[in-house]
Amino acid sequence: MQTTILYIGRDTEITAVMNRLLNARPEWKGLCVCKNEEAIFICKEQHVDLVLLGNGIDPDSETELKNKLLALQPGLKIIQHYGGGSGLLYGEVMSAL
């Protein structure tokens, strides 16, 4: 069974890299977006196991986004992703799950 991971970040290039990294592991299904509206739509349409918040999300937007996602999927795990290589990413995801 795949773990669905939603990455939300404002930088399109980093978001593309995250998409490649998350989908490189067969046990993960990575969904990567740059806009809050896209993330909210995904959480309305399908189950998400983990949300990674990337760079560039201002504090007010982050608070609003977390509230909306948790209203759609109570108990959803949401963590900050600080960057780094695929080894750090794996550690972040496994610690959160």
Protein backbone atom coordinates (compact mmCIF):
# COMPACT_ATOMS: atom_id res chain seq x y z
CA MET A 1 0.00 0.00 0.00
CA GLN A 2 1.30 3.44 -0.90
CA THR A 3 1.63 6.34 1.50
CA THR A 4 0.22 9.53 -0.04
CA ILE A 5 2.37 12.57 0.69
CA LEU A 6 1.29 16.08 -0.26
CA TYR A 7 4.05 18.67 -0.59
CA ILE A 8 3.10 22.36 -0.65
CA GLY A 9 5.75 24.94 -1.50
CA ARG A 10 5.90 28.24 -3.32
CA ASP A 11 9.02 27.68 -5.43
CA THR A 12 8.12 25.83 -8.65
CA GLU A 13 11.63 24.45 -9.19
CA ILE A 14 11.86 23.02 -5.68
CA THR A 15 8.34 21.65 -6.04
CA ALA A 16 9.40 19.82 -9.20
CA VAL A 17 12.41 18.33 -7.38
CA MET A 18 10.19 17.26 -4.48
CA ASN A 19 7.82 15.58 -6.92
CA ARG A 20 10.72 13.57 -8.36
CA LEU A 21 12.07 12.63 -4.91
CA LEU A 22 8.73 11.63 -3.43
CA ASN A 23 7.74 9.54 -6.43
CA ALA A 24 11.14 7.82 -6.66
CA ARG A 25 10.12 5.50 -3.82
CA PRO A 26 7.54 2.89 -4.86
CA GLU A 27 5.93 2.94 -1.41
CA TRP A 28 5.18 6.68 -1.67
CA LYS A 29 2.76 8.59 -3.86
CA GLY A 30 3.90 12.20 -4.02
CA LEU A 31 1.55 15.04 -4.90
CA CYS A 32 3.28 18.41 -5.15
CA VAL A 33 1.60 21.80 -5.53
CA CYS A 34 2.43 25.48 -5.19
CA LYS A 35 -0.98 26.93 -4.32
CA ASN A 36 -3.18 26.50 -1.26
CA GLU A 37 -6.23 26.03 -3.46
CA GLU A 38 -4.62 23.04 -5.17
CA ALA A 39 -3.76 21.45 -1.83
CA ILE A 40 -7.29 21.96 -0.53
CA PHE A 41 -8.77 20.43 -3.69
CA ILE A 42 -6.54 17.35 -3.33
CA CYS A 43 -7.58 16.88 0.30
CA LYS A 44 -11.25 17.15 -0.70
CA GLU A 45 -10.83 14.50 -3.38
CA GLN A 46 -8.57 11.88 -1.78
CA HIS A 47 -7.01 10.64 1.42
CA VAL A 48 -3.59 12.09 2.27
CA ASP A 49 -1.32 10.48 4.87
CA LEU A 50 1.14 13.34 5.35
CA VAL A 51 1.53 16.99 4.34
CA LEU A 52 4.97 18.54 3.97
CA LEU A 53 5.04 22.34 4.10
CA GLY A 54 7.90 23.73 2.04
CA ASN A 55 9.53 27.09 1.66
CA GLY A 56 7.90 30.43 1.02
CA ILE A 57 4.59 29.94 2.82
CA ASP A 58 3.96 33.00 4.97
CA PRO A 59 2.77 32.41 8.57
CA ASP A 60 -0.81 33.64 8.02
CA SER A 61 -1.22 31.50 4.91
CA GLU A 62 0.26 28.50 6.72
CA THR A 63 -2.17 28.83 9.63
CA GLU A 64 -5.15 29.17 7.28
CA LEU A 65 -3.98 26.23 5.18
CA LYS A 66 -3.47 23.97 8.19
CA ASN A 67 -6.94 24.83 9.52
CA LYS A 68 -8.61 24.07 6.18
CA LEU A 69 -6.74 20.81 5.62
CA LEU A 70 -7.44 19.59 9.15
CA ALA A 71 -11.13 20.46 8.74
CA LEU A 72 -11.19 18.23 5.64
CA GLN A 73 -9.09 15.44 7.13
CA PRO A 74 -9.01 15.54 10.94
CA GLY A 75 -5.86 13.95 12.32
CA LEU A 76 -3.87 14.69 9.16
CA LYS A 77 -0.15 14.87 9.91
CA ILE A 78 1.34 18.18 8.79
CA ILE A 79 5.06 18.92 9.19
CA GLN A 80 7.55 21.50 8.03
CA HIS A 81 10.00 20.30 5.37
CA TYR A 82 13.35 22.02 5.78
CA GLY A 83 15.04 20.86 2.59
CA GLY A 84 18.14 18.80 2.19
CA GLY A 85 18.80 15.60 0.31
CA SER A 86 16.69 12.51 -0.14
CA GLY A 87 18.12 10.94 3.04
CA LEU A 88 16.86 13.83 5.16
CA LEU A 89 13.50 13.71 3.39
CA TYR A 90 13.18 9.99 4.11
CA GLY A 91 13.98 10.61 7.78
CA GLU A 92 11.41 13.41 8.03
CA VAL A 93 8.68 11.29 6.46
CA MET A 94 9.42 8.18 8.48
CA SER A 95 9.55 10.16 11.75
CA ALA A 96 6.20 11.77 10.98
CA LEU A 97 4.51 8.50 10.09
